[in-house]
Amino acid sequence: MPIQIVHGWRNLTPDQRGAAAAIGAFDGVHRGHQAVIGAAREAAERLSAPLAVVTFEPHPRRWFQPEAAPFRLMTIGQMARALEAQGVERLHLLPFDREMAAMSDEAFARDVLAGGLGLKHAAVGFDFTYGKGRTGSPEALTRIGRELGFSVSVTERVDDRSGLKLSSSAVREALAAGDMARAARILGRPFAIEGEVVHGDKRGRTIGVPTANVRMGDYMRPAYGVFATRTRLPDGRVVNGVANLGVRPMFETPEPLLEVWLFDFSGDLYGQVVETQLIARLRGEMSFDGLDALKVQIDEDAKAARAALAARA
């Protein structure tokens, strides 16, 4: 069955309550997050309870820092699919609003986790904080959980055997450096941008390289440049390609775009949602003397992209 997405925490039906849940932001659902979900899975099996994840929408950082630069690693749709792949049956999206921001740690545990969601178990990471002023800790949650009738497990920090830090901030650092391989090792899969294909200036068509253009929205901006890509189409096909991500110094765009040239593909994708994996960064953005020079470079980029994708087949 597909993952069940439950919005809010009040007035839930019996079949929306009573889970063993991992709690946190889970932006990226990286390998460190997966360890916390694993602890929730063990509890779900022991308690014969559904396996769930409890997270917040919008991300708390966006509430407290509305002017912060884009930072998200995935959309809610991507999160749901990543969690479903981990065997999660239910995703609880708690509205992070004025009420939630002002809620004390005890009120959050009592009213939301125990009262609203009726959790049987809460799995959290070692650095989990909650409640107004982030006063709640894993130790406090363990204590109050005993009083309210749910058990708590705390997952200690998990790093790769090579010493690679497994965290959302480490993913963002790798993306900022253009190190897509390192980001993929932390995530457990390539970083991917999902969005609706929008109309661009159609300049690529004039040189034989039509592109599918996707706005970046609230995604973290990786280092701008040209990438080898794999794009999942709405019909499930995955198409190799090469993409420019950025503002194109030669033809400046008002906002950063992901512009993907899909190899050996023809069709109209406007208005459809696609997901593009950034497999390898090939080079940074460049300016050119004219369209002929740009076309020569695009051909070189396409050869490099095909080679990079073949090496990672």
C-alpha atoms as a PDB file:
ATOM      1  CA  MET A   1       0.000   0.000   0.000  1.00  0.00           C
ATOM      2  CA  PRO A   2       1.211   3.553  -0.662  1.00  0.00           C
ATOM      3  CA  ILE A   3       2.324   5.593   2.301  1.00  0.00           C
ATOM      4  CA  GLN A   4      -0.527   7.339   4.149  1.00  0.00           C
ATOM      5  CA  ILE A   5      -0.012  11.093   4.596  1.00  0.00           C
ATOM      6  CA  VAL A   6      -1.807  12.566   7.614  1.00  0.00           C
ATOM      7  CA  HIS A   7      -2.046  16.348   7.961  1.00  0.00           C
ATOM      8  CA  GLY A   8      -2.332  17.812  11.452  1.00  0.00           C
ATOM      9  CA  TRP A   9      -2.680  16.163  14.841  1.00  0.00           C
ATOM     10  CA  ARG A  10      -6.178  16.995  16.040  1.00  0.00           C
ATOM     11  CA  ASN A  11      -9.308  14.869  15.613  1.00  0.00           C
ATOM     12  CA  LEU A  12      -7.529  11.947  14.003  1.00  0.00           C
ATOM     13  CA  THR A  13      -9.393   8.741  13.305  1.00  0.00           C
ATOM     14  CA  PRO A  14      -8.404   5.515  15.105  1.00  0.00           C
ATOM     15  CA  ASP A  15      -6.592   4.228  12.004  1.00  0.00           C
ATOM     16  CA  GLN A  16      -4.423   7.382  11.992  1.00  0.00           C
ATOM     17  CA  ARG A  17      -3.221   6.948  15.573  1.00  0.00           C
ATOM     18  CA  GLY A  18      -1.157   4.490  17.559  1.00  0.00           C
ATOM     19  CA  ALA A  19       2.050   4.278  15.538  1.00  0.00           C
ATOM     20  CA  ALA A  20       5.669   3.742  16.450  1.00  0.00           C
ATOM     21  CA  ALA A  21       7.198   6.855  14.928  1.00  0.00           C
ATOM     22  CA  ALA A  22      10.532   8.446  14.147  1.00  0.00           C
ATOM     23  CA  ILE A  23      10.346  12.172  14.925  1.00  0.00           C
ATOM     24  CA  GLY A  24      12.392  14.936  13.341  1.00  0.00           C
ATOM     25  CA  ALA A  25      12.865  17.196  10.321  1.00  0.00           C
ATOM     26  CA  PHE A  26      14.074  14.370   8.052  1.00  0.00           C
ATOM     27  CA  ASP A  27      14.984  16.768   5.225  1.00  0.00           C
ATOM     28  CA  GLY A  28      16.911  14.518   2.854  1.00  0.00           C
ATOM     29  CA  VAL A  29      16.016  11.209   4.578  1.00  0.00           C
ATOM     30  CA  HIS A  30      19.754  10.554   4.599  1.00  0.00           C
ATOM     31  CA  ARG A  31      21.519   7.540   6.093  1.00  0.00           C
ATOM     32  CA  GLY A  32      21.597   9.110   9.566  1.00  0.00           C
ATOM     33  CA  HIS A  33      17.829   9.617   9.416  1.00  0.00           C
ATOM     34  CA  GLN A  34      17.460   6.047   8.230  1.00  0.00           C
ATOM     35  CA  ALA A  35      19.117   4.823  11.437  1.00  0.00           C
ATOM     36  CA  VAL A  36      16.435   6.601  13.511  1.00  0.00           C
ATOM     37  CA  ILE A  37      13.743   5.111  11.283  1.00  0.00           C
ATOM     38  CA  GLY A  38      15.340   1.709  11.836  1.00  0.00           C
ATOM     39  CA  ALA A  39      14.911   2.102  15.596  1.00  0.00           C
ATOM     40  CA  ALA A  40      11.255   3.011  15.056  1.00  0.00           C
ATOM     41  CA  ARG A  41      10.878  -0.045  12.820  1.00  0.00           C
ATOM     42  CA  GLU A  42      12.170  -2.333  15.570  1.00  0.00           C
ATOM     43  CA  ALA A  43       9.662  -0.828  18.001  1.00  0.00           C
ATOM     44  CA  ALA A  44       6.822  -1.129  15.483  1.00  0.00           C
ATOM     45  CA  GLU A  45       7.535  -4.819  15.049  1.00  0.00           C
ATOM     46  CA  ARG A  46       7.768  -5.369  18.807  1.00  0.00           C
ATOM     47  CA  LEU A  47       4.547  -3.487  19.503  1.00  0.00           C
ATOM     48  CA  SER A  48       2.635  -4.667  16.399  1.00  0.00           C
ATOM     49  CA  ALA A  49       2.129  -1.002  15.519  1.00  0.00           C
ATOM     50  CA  PRO A  50       2.275   0.888  12.214  1.00  0.00           C
ATOM     51  CA  LEU A  51       5.643   2.412  11.325  1.00  0.00           C
ATOM     52  CA  ALA A  52       5.396   6.197  10.978  1.00  0.00           C
ATOM     53  CA  VAL A  53       7.468   9.345  10.640  1.00  0.00           C
ATOM     54  CA  VAL A  54       6.450  12.599  12.332  1.00  0.00           C
ATOM     55  CA  THR A  55       7.797  15.785  10.777  1.00  0.00           C
ATOM     56  CA  PHE A  56       6.899  19.447  10.327  1.00  0.00           C
ATOM     57  CA  GLU A  57       5.648  21.485   7.380  1.00  0.00           C
ATOM     58  CA  PRO A  58       6.912  24.057   6.787  1.00  0.00           C
ATOM     59  CA  HIS A  59      10.383  23.253   8.055  1.00  0.00           C
ATOM     60  CA  PRO A  60      10.878  25.070  11.401  1.00  0.00           C
ATOM     61  CA  ARG A  61      13.831  26.993   9.968  1.00  0.00           C
ATOM     62  CA  ARG A  62      11.557  28.585   7.377  1.00  0.00           C
ATOM     63  CA  TRP A  63       9.165  29.697  10.145  1.00  0.00           C
ATOM     64  CA  PHE A  64      11.849  31.251  12.332  1.00  0.00           C
ATOM     65  CA  GLN A  65      13.972  32.584   9.443  1.00  0.00           C
ATOM     66  CA  PRO A  66      11.524  33.469   6.653  1.00  0.00           C
ATOM     67  CA  GLU A  67      14.205  35.403   4.778  1.00  0.00           C
ATOM     68  CA  ALA A  68      16.748  32.571   4.919  1.00  0.00           C
ATOM     69  CA  ALA A  69      18.263  31.445   1.637  1.00  0.00           C
ATOM     70  CA  PRO A  70      16.669  28.334   0.084  1.00  0.00           C
ATOM     71  CA  PHE A  71      17.869  25.251   1.930  1.00  0.00           C
ATOM     72  CA  ARG A  72      15.502  22.298   1.389  1.00  0.00           C
ATOM     73  CA  LEU A  73      16.921  19.007   0.125  1.00  0.00           C
ATOM     74  CA  MET A  74      13.609  17.553  -1.028  1.00  0.00           C
ATOM     75  CA  THR A  75       9.924  18.194  -1.522  1.00  0.00           C
ATOM     76  CA  ILE A  76       7.262  16.513   0.595  1.00  0.00           C
ATOM     77  CA  GLY A  77       6.519  14.229  -2.355  1.00  0.00           C
ATOM     78  CA  GLN A  78      10.148  13.145  -2.525  1.00  0.00           C
ATOM     79  CA  MET A  79      10.194  12.660   1.230  1.00  0.00           C
ATOM     80  CA  ALA A  80       7.121  10.438   1.083  1.00  0.00           C
ATOM     81  CA  ARG A  81       8.694   8.245  -1.613  1.00  0.00           C
ATOM     82  CA  ALA A  82      11.995   7.997   0.255  1.00  0.00           C
ATOM     83  CA  LEU A  83      10.183   7.025   3.451  1.00  0.00           C
ATOM     84  CA  GLU A  84       8.018   4.512   1.629  1.00  0.00           C
ATOM     85  CA  ALA A  85      11.213   2.872   0.359  1.00  0.00           C
ATOM     86  CA  GLN A  86      12.221   2.506   4.035  1.00  0.00           C
ATOM     87  CA  GLY A  87       8.975   0.670   4.796  1.00  0.00           C
ATOM     88  CA  VAL A  88       7.280   3.631   6.479  1.00  0.00           C
ATOM     89  CA  GLU A  89       3.506   3.261   6.380  1.00  0.00           C
ATOM     90  CA  ARG A  90       2.429   6.701   7.570  1.00  0.00           C
ATOM     91  CA  LEU A  91       3.786  10.237   7.334  1.00  0.00           C
ATOM     92  CA  HIS A  92       2.438  12.726   9.888  1.00  0.00           C
ATOM     93  CA  LEU A  93       2.853  16.322   8.713  1.00  0.00           C
ATOM     94  CA  LEU A  94       2.490  18.647  11.678  1.00  0.00           C
ATOM     95  CA  PRO A  95       1.821  22.305  10.805  1.00  0.00           C
ATOM     96  CA  PHE A  96       4.669  24.391  12.130  1.00  0.00           C
ATOM     97  CA  ASP A  97       2.746  27.578  12.862  1.00  0.00           C
ATOM     98  CA  ARG A  98       2.482  30.161  15.606  1.00  0.00           C
ATOM     99  CA  GLU A  99       0.800  27.675  17.937  1.00  0.00           C
ATOM    100  CA  MET A 100       3.442  25.010  17.402  1.00  0.00           C
ATOM    101  CA  ALA A 101       6.298  27.495  17.763  1.00  0.00           C
ATOM    102  CA  ALA A 102       4.926  28.667  21.128  1.00  0.00           C
ATOM    103  CA  MET A 103       4.211  25.189  22.516  1.00  0.00           C
ATOM    104  CA  SER A 104       6.259  24.072  25.523  1.00  0.00           C
ATOM    105  CA  ASP A 105       8.157  20.808  25.396  1.00  0.00           C
ATOM    106  CA  GLU A 106       5.750  19.203  27.871  1.00  0.00           C
ATOM    107  CA  ALA A 107       2.705  20.398  25.925  1.00  0.00           C
ATOM    108  CA  PHE A 108       4.147  19.023  22.677  1.00  0.00           C
ATOM    109  CA  ALA A 109       4.732  15.610  24.222  1.00  0.00           C
ATOM    110  CA  ARG A 110       1.400  15.559  26.065  1.00  0.00           C
ATOM    111  CA  ASP A 111      -0.977  17.171  23.588  1.00  0.00           C
ATOM    112  CA  VAL A 112       0.569  16.289  20.227  1.00  0.00           C
ATOM    113  CA  LEU A 113       2.502  13.047  20.608  1.00  0.00           C
ATOM    114  CA  ALA A 114       0.420  11.315  23.265  1.00  0.00           C
ATOM    115  CA  GLY A 115      -2.955  13.025  22.937  1.00  0.00           C
ATOM    116  CA  GLY A 116      -3.225  13.823  19.246  1.00  0.00           C
ATOM    117  CA  LEU A 117      -1.147  11.094  17.596  1.00  0.00           C
ATOM    118  CA  GLY A 118      -1.514   8.493  20.338  1.00  0.00           C
ATOM    119  CA  LEU A 119       2.026   7.256  19.757  1.00  0.00           C
ATOM    120  CA  LYS A 120       3.100   3.946  21.193  1.00  0.00           C
ATOM    121  CA  HIS A 121       6.783   4.691  20.638  1.00  0.00           C
ATOM    122  CA  ALA A 122       8.907   7.708  19.699  1.00  0.00           C
ATOM    123  CA  ALA A 123      12.316   7.238  18.077  1.00  0.00           C
ATOM    124  CA  VAL A 124      14.574  10.311  18.021  1.00  0.00           C
ATOM    125  CA  GLY A 125      18.155  11.181  17.259  1.00  0.00           C
ATOM    126  CA  PHE A 126      20.747  12.097  19.886  1.00  0.00           C
ATOM    127  CA  ASP A 127      20.475  15.807  19.056  1.00  0.00           C
ATOM    128  CA  PHE A 128      16.664  16.034  18.899  1.00  0.00           C
ATOM    129  CA  THR A 129      15.194  19.149  20.505  1.00  0.00           C
ATOM    130  CA  TYR A 130      11.587  20.288  20.691  1.00  0.00           C
ATOM    131  CA  GLY A 131       9.270  22.804  22.312  1.00  0.00           C
ATOM    132  CA  LYS A 132       9.528  26.581  22.623  1.00  0.00           C
ATOM    133  CA  GLY A 133      13.137  27.621  22.919  1.00  0.00           C
ATOM    134  CA  ARG A 134      14.165  24.053  22.015  1.00  0.00           C
ATOM    135  CA  THR A 135      14.086  23.190  25.704  1.00  0.00           C
ATOM    136  CA  GLY A 136      13.068  19.564  25.221  1.00  0.00           C
ATOM    137  CA  SER A 137      15.751  16.876  24.951  1.00  0.00           C
ATOM    138  CA  PRO A 138      15.805  13.126  24.298  1.00  0.00           C
ATOM    139  CA  GLU A 139      16.253  12.573  28.030  1.00  0.00           C
ATOM    140  CA  ALA A 140      13.229  14.748  28.853  1.00  0.00           C
ATOM    141  CA  LEU A 141      11.142  12.975  26.218  1.00  0.00           C
ATOM    142  CA  THR A 142      12.108   9.594  27.646  1.00  0.00           C
ATOM    143  CA  ARG A 143      11.024  10.699  31.095  1.00  0.00           C
ATOM    144  CA  ILE A 144       7.715  12.220  30.070  1.00  0.00           C
ATOM    145  CA  GLY A 145       7.035   9.342  27.699  1.00  0.00           C
ATOM    146  CA  ARG A 146       7.036   6.947  30.652  1.00  0.00           C
ATOM    147  CA  GLU A 147       4.465   9.144  32.366  1.00  0.00           C
ATOM    148  CA  LEU A 148       2.270   9.434  29.255  1.00  0.00           C
ATOM    149  CA  GLY A 149       2.437   5.810  28.170  1.00  0.00           C
ATOM    150  CA  PHE A 150       4.807   5.704  25.199  1.00  0.00           C
ATOM    151  CA  SER A 151       8.350   4.368  25.032  1.00  0.00           C
ATOM    152  CA  VAL A 152      11.293   6.301  23.604  1.00  0.00           C
ATOM    153  CA  SER A 153      14.479   5.208  21.856  1.00  0.00           C
ATOM    154  CA  VAL A 154      17.452   7.488  21.201  1.00  0.00           C
ATOM    155  CA  THR A 155      19.766   6.808  18.254  1.00  0.00           C
ATOM    156  CA  GLU A 156      23.319   7.925  18.802  1.00  0.00           C
ATOM    157  CA  ARG A 157      25.247   9.793  16.125  1.00  0.00           C
ATOM    158  CA  VAL A 158      25.892   7.613  13.091  1.00  0.00           C
ATOM    159  CA  ASP A 159      28.807   8.332  10.775  1.00  0.00           C
ATOM    160  CA  ASP A 160      30.165   6.413   7.819  1.00  0.00           C
ATOM    161  CA  ARG A 161      33.005   4.021   8.564  1.00  0.00           C
ATOM    162  CA  SER A 162      35.262   6.302   6.566  1.00  0.00           C
ATOM    163  CA  GLY A 163      34.415   9.166   8.948  1.00  0.00           C
ATOM    164  CA  LEU A 164      31.937  10.816   6.598  1.00  0.00           C
ATOM    165  CA  LYS A 165      29.433  12.836   8.638  1.00  0.00           C
ATOM    166  CA  LEU A 166      25.855  11.749   7.961  1.00  0.00           C
ATOM    167  CA  SER A 167      23.748  14.880   8.394  1.00  0.00           C
ATOM    168  CA  SER A 168      21.628  17.311   6.398  1.00  0.00           C
ATOM    169  CA  SER A 169      24.233  20.039   6.932  1.00  0.00           C
ATOM    170  CA  ALA A 170      26.917  17.730   5.513  1.00  0.00           C
ATOM    171  CA  VAL A 171      24.749  17.155   2.423  1.00  0.00           C
ATOM    172  CA  ARG A 172      24.419  20.910   1.964  1.00  0.00           C
ATOM    173  CA  GLU A 173      28.175  21.364   2.321  1.00  0.00           C
ATOM    174  CA  ALA A 174      28.775  18.726  -0.351  1.00  0.00           C
ATOM    175  CA  LEU A 175      26.250  20.348  -2.696  1.00  0.00           C
ATOM    176  CA  ALA A 176      27.760  23.786  -2.176  1.00  0.00           C
ATOM    177  CA  ALA A 177      31.127  22.309  -3.157  1.00  0.00           C
ATOM    178  CA  GLY A 178      29.640  20.579  -6.206  1.00  0.00           C
ATOM    179  CA  ASP A 179      30.664  17.200  -4.809  1.00  0.00           C
ATOM    180  CA  MET A 180      27.691  15.162  -5.966  1.00  0.00           C
ATOM    181  CA  ALA A 181      29.349  11.842  -5.146  1.00  0.00           C
ATOM    182  CA  ARG A 182      29.813  12.851  -1.508  1.00  0.00           C
ATOM    183  CA  ALA A 183      26.235  14.098  -1.292  1.00  0.00           C
ATOM    184  CA  ALA A 184      25.005  10.797  -2.727  1.00  0.00           C
ATOM    185  CA  ARG A 185      27.047   8.784  -0.212  1.00  0.00           C
ATOM    186  CA  ILE A 186      25.420  10.672   2.663  1.00  0.00           C
ATOM    187  CA  LEU A 187      21.913  10.508   1.217  1.00  0.00           C
ATOM    188  CA  GLY A 188      22.169   6.909   0.053  1.00  0.00           C
ATOM    189  CA  ARG A 189      21.017   8.045  -3.426  1.00  0.00           C
ATOM    190  CA  PRO A 190      21.781  10.939  -5.799  1.00  0.00           C
ATOM    191  CA  PHE A 191      20.493  14.400  -4.939  1.00  0.00           C
ATOM    192  CA  ALA A 192      17.450  15.132  -7.115  1.00  0.00           C
ATOM    193  CA  ILE A 193      15.379  18.187  -8.031  1.00  0.00           C
ATOM    194  CA  GLU A 194      11.680  17.690  -8.704  1.00  0.00           C
ATOM    195  CA  GLY A 195       9.380  20.254 -10.247  1.00  0.00           C
ATOM    196  CA  GLU A 196       7.031  21.262 -13.011  1.00  0.00           C
ATOM    197  CA  VAL A 197       8.489  21.822 -16.466  1.00  0.00           C
ATOM    198  CA  VAL A 198       7.998  25.505 -17.317  1.00  0.00           C
ATOM    199  CA  HIS A 199       8.452  27.579 -20.464  1.00  0.00           C
ATOM    200  CA  GLY A 200      11.843  29.186 -20.918  1.00  0.00           C
ATOM    201  CA  ASP A 201      13.174  31.473 -23.634  1.00  0.00           C
ATOM    202  CA  LYS A 202      13.395  28.434 -25.983  1.00  0.00           C
ATOM    203  CA  ARG A 203      16.875  29.548 -27.073  1.00  0.00           C
ATOM    204  CA  GLY A 204      18.126  25.970 -26.861  1.00  0.00           C
ATOM    205  CA  ARG A 205      15.776  24.906 -29.637  1.00  0.00           C
ATOM    206  CA  THR A 206      17.543  27.265 -32.027  1.00  0.00           C
ATOM    207  CA  ILE A 207      20.754  25.244 -31.648  1.00  0.00           C
ATOM    208  CA  GLY A 208      19.172  21.800 -31.486  1.00  0.00           C
ATOM    209  CA  VAL A 209      19.210  21.305 -27.730  1.00  0.00           C
ATOM    210  CA  PRO A 210      15.666  21.754 -26.384  1.00  0.00           C
ATOM    211  CA  THR A 211      15.618  21.723 -22.598  1.00  0.00           C
ATOM    212  CA  ALA A 212      13.121  20.881 -19.884  1.00  0.00           C
ATOM    213  CA  ASN A 213      13.276  23.814 -17.458  1.00  0.00           C
ATOM    214  CA  VAL A 214      12.453  23.510 -13.749  1.00  0.00           C
ATOM    215  CA  ARG A 215      12.437  26.321 -11.187  1.00  0.00           C
ATOM    216  CA  MET A 216      14.518  25.735  -8.067  1.00  0.00           C
ATOM    217  CA  GLY A 217      11.954  27.003  -5.559  1.00  0.00           C
ATOM    218  CA  ASP A 218      13.121  26.401  -1.981  1.00  0.00           C
ATOM    219  CA  TYR A 219      15.747  23.818  -2.952  1.00  0.00           C
ATOM    220  CA  MET A 220      19.274  24.274  -1.685  1.00  0.00           C
ATOM    221  CA  ARG A 221      21.331  25.704  -4.571  1.00  0.00           C
ATOM    222  CA  PRO A 222      24.209  23.370  -5.410  1.00  0.00           C
ATOM    223  CA  ALA A 223      27.316  24.893  -6.935  1.00  0.00           C
ATOM    224  CA  TYR A 224      26.160  26.296 -10.267  1.00  0.00           C
ATOM    225  CA  GLY A 225      27.360  24.628 -13.422  1.00  0.00           C
ATOM    226  CA  VAL A 226      26.783  21.741 -15.813  1.00  0.00           C
ATOM    227  CA  PHE A 227      25.773  18.290 -14.602  1.00  0.00           C
ATOM    228  CA  ALA A 228      25.344  14.767 -15.923  1.00  0.00           C
ATOM    229  CA  THR A 229      21.771  13.844 -15.086  1.00  0.00           C
ATOM    230  CA  ARG A 230      19.120  11.148 -14.988  1.00  0.00           C
ATOM    231  CA  THR A 231      15.502  12.342 -15.199  1.00  0.00           C
ATOM    232  CA  ARG A 232      12.438  10.349 -14.177  1.00  0.00           C
ATOM    233  CA  LEU A 233       9.493  11.218 -16.408  1.00  0.00           C
ATOM    234  CA  PRO A 234       5.827  11.070 -15.327  1.00  0.00           C
ATOM    235  CA  ASP A 235       5.423   7.727 -17.124  1.00  0.00           C
ATOM    236  CA  GLY A 236       8.270   6.207 -15.103  1.00  0.00           C
ATOM    237  CA  ARG A 237      10.930   6.259 -17.811  1.00  0.00           C
ATOM    238  CA  VAL A 238      14.397   7.399 -16.777  1.00  0.00           C
ATOM    239  CA  VAL A 239      16.279   9.404 -19.408  1.00  0.00           C
ATOM    240  CA  ASN A 240      19.939  10.354 -19.345  1.00  0.00           C
ATOM    241  CA  GLY A 241      20.876  13.942 -20.032  1.00  0.00           C
ATOM    242  CA  VAL A 242      23.007  16.962 -19.338  1.00  0.00           C
ATOM    243  CA  ALA A 243      21.828  20.057 -17.484  1.00  0.00           C
ATOM    244  CA  ASN A 244      22.825  23.594 -16.705  1.00  0.00           C
ATOM    245  CA  LEU A 245      21.931  24.766 -13.216  1.00  0.00           C
ATOM    246  CA  GLY A 246      22.247  28.452 -12.529  1.00  0.00           C
ATOM    247  CA  VAL A 247      21.588  31.825 -14.115  1.00  0.00           C
ATOM    248  CA  ARG A 248      23.505  31.399 -17.424  1.00  0.00           C
ATOM    249  CA  PRO A 249      26.084  34.221 -17.544  1.00  0.00           C
ATOM    250  CA  MET A 250      25.655  34.551 -21.321  1.00  0.00           C
ATOM    251  CA  PHE A 251      21.848  34.937 -21.160  1.00  0.00           C
ATOM    252  CA  GLU A 252      21.059  35.967 -17.612  1.00  0.00           C
ATOM    253  CA  THR A 253      17.846  34.573 -16.179  1.00  0.00           C
ATOM    254  CA  PRO A 254      15.876  36.356 -13.431  1.00  0.00           C
ATOM    255  CA  GLU A 255      16.030  33.255 -11.224  1.00  0.00           C
ATOM    256  CA  PRO A 256      18.179  30.119 -11.169  1.00  0.00           C
ATOM    257  CA  LEU A 257      16.838  27.347 -13.364  1.00  0.00           C
ATOM    258  CA  LEU A 258      17.621  23.693 -13.902  1.00  0.00           C
ATOM    259  CA  GLU A 259      17.684  23.298 -17.692  1.00  0.00           C
ATOM    260  CA  VAL A 260      17.922  19.667 -18.749  1.00  0.00           C
ATOM    261  CA  TRP A 261      18.678  18.408 -22.256  1.00  0.00           C
ATOM    262  CA  LEU A 262      17.237  14.889 -22.345  1.00  0.00           C
ATOM    263  CA  PHE A 263      19.254  12.626 -24.655  1.00  0.00           C
ATOM    264  CA  ASP A 264      17.369  10.780 -27.399  1.00  0.00           C
ATOM    265  CA  PHE A 265      14.002  12.130 -26.254  1.00  0.00           C
ATOM    266  CA  SER A 266      11.245  13.936 -28.055  1.00  0.00           C
ATOM    267  CA  GLY A 267       7.952  15.002 -26.563  1.00  0.00           C
ATOM    268  CA  ASP A 268       6.119  17.795 -24.762  1.00  0.00           C
ATOM    269  CA  LEU A 269       6.708  17.906 -21.006  1.00  0.00           C
ATOM    270  CA  TYR A 270       5.332  21.381 -20.284  1.00  0.00           C
ATOM    271  CA  GLY A 271       3.180  21.401 -17.162  1.00  0.00           C
ATOM    272  CA  GLN A 272       4.342  17.937 -16.121  1.00  0.00           C
ATOM    273  CA  VAL A 273       6.406  17.097 -13.045  1.00  0.00           C
ATOM    274  CA  VAL A 274       9.813  15.490 -13.536  1.00  0.00           C
ATOM    275  CA  GLU A 275      12.570  14.558 -11.101  1.00  0.00           C
ATOM    276  CA  THR A 276      16.191  15.027 -12.142  1.00  0.00           C
ATOM    277  CA  GLN A 277      19.116  13.403 -10.360  1.00  0.00           C
ATOM    278  CA  LEU A 278      22.360  15.398 -10.457  1.00  0.00           C
ATOM    279  CA  ILE A 279      24.844  12.570 -10.914  1.00  0.00           C
ATOM    280  CA  ALA A 280      28.112  14.462 -11.464  1.00  0.00           C
ATOM    281  CA  ARG A 281      29.148  18.097 -11.833  1.00  0.00           C
ATOM    282  CA  LEU A 282      31.115  18.462 -15.048  1.00  0.00           C
ATOM    283  CA  ARG A 283      32.159  22.128 -14.906  1.00  0.00           C
ATOM    284  CA  GLY A 284      31.176  25.542 -13.623  1.00  0.00           C
ATOM    285  CA  GLU A 285      29.145  28.129 -15.515  1.00  0.00           C
ATOM    286  CA  MET A 286      30.900  29.872 -18.395  1.00  0.00           C
ATOM    287  CA  SER A 287      30.377  32.795 -20.773  1.00  0.00           C
ATOM    288  CA  PHE A 288      30.788  32.391 -24.541  1.00  0.00           C
ATOM    289  CA  ASP A 289      31.450  34.712 -27.469  1.00  0.00           C
ATOM    290  CA  GLY A 290      28.358  33.560 -29.338  1.00  0.00           C
ATOM    291  CA  LEU A 291      25.935  30.747 -30.072  1.00  0.00           C
ATOM    292  CA  ASP A 292      28.453  28.814 -32.181  1.00  0.00           C
ATOM    293  CA  ALA A 293      30.923  28.649 -29.304  1.00  0.00           C
ATOM    294  CA  LEU A 294      28.125  27.713 -26.934  1.00  0.00           C
ATOM    295  CA  LYS A 295      26.997  24.883 -29.229  1.00  0.00           C
ATOM    296  CA  VAL A 296      30.549  23.493 -29.406  1.00  0.00           C
ATOM    297  CA  GLN A 297      30.746  23.489 -25.597  1.00  0.00           C
ATOM    298  CA  ILE A 298      27.314  21.861 -25.241  1.00  0.00           C
ATOM    299  CA  ASP A 299      28.444  19.045 -27.539  1.00  0.00           C
ATOM    300  CA  GLU A 300      31.528  18.573 -25.371  1.00  0.00           C
ATOM    301  CA  ASP A 301      29.382  18.630 -22.237  1.00  0.00           C
ATOM    302  CA  ALA A 302      27.063  16.001 -23.711  1.00  0.00           C
ATOM    303  CA  LYS A 303      30.024  13.690 -24.441  1.00  0.00           C
ATOM    304  CA  ALA A 304      31.329  14.205 -20.896  1.00  0.00           C
ATOM    305  CA  ALA A 305      27.878  13.553 -19.442  1.00  0.00           C
ATOM    306  CA  ARG A 306      27.433  10.315 -21.395  1.00  0.00           C
ATOM    307  CA  ALA A 307      30.844   9.139 -20.213  1.00  0.00           C
ATOM    308  CA  ALA A 308      30.118  10.037 -16.584  1.00  0.00           C
ATOM    309  CA  LEU A 309      26.756   8.280 -16.674  1.00  0.00           C
ATOM    310  CA  ALA A 310      28.227   5.175 -18.325  1.00  0.00           C
ATOM    311  CA  ALA A 311      30.839   5.011 -15.560  1.00  0.00           C
ATOM    312  CA  ARG A 312      28.040   5.045 -12.981  1.00  0.00           C
ATOM    313  CA  ALA A 313      25.655   2.658 -14.740  1.00  0.00           C
END
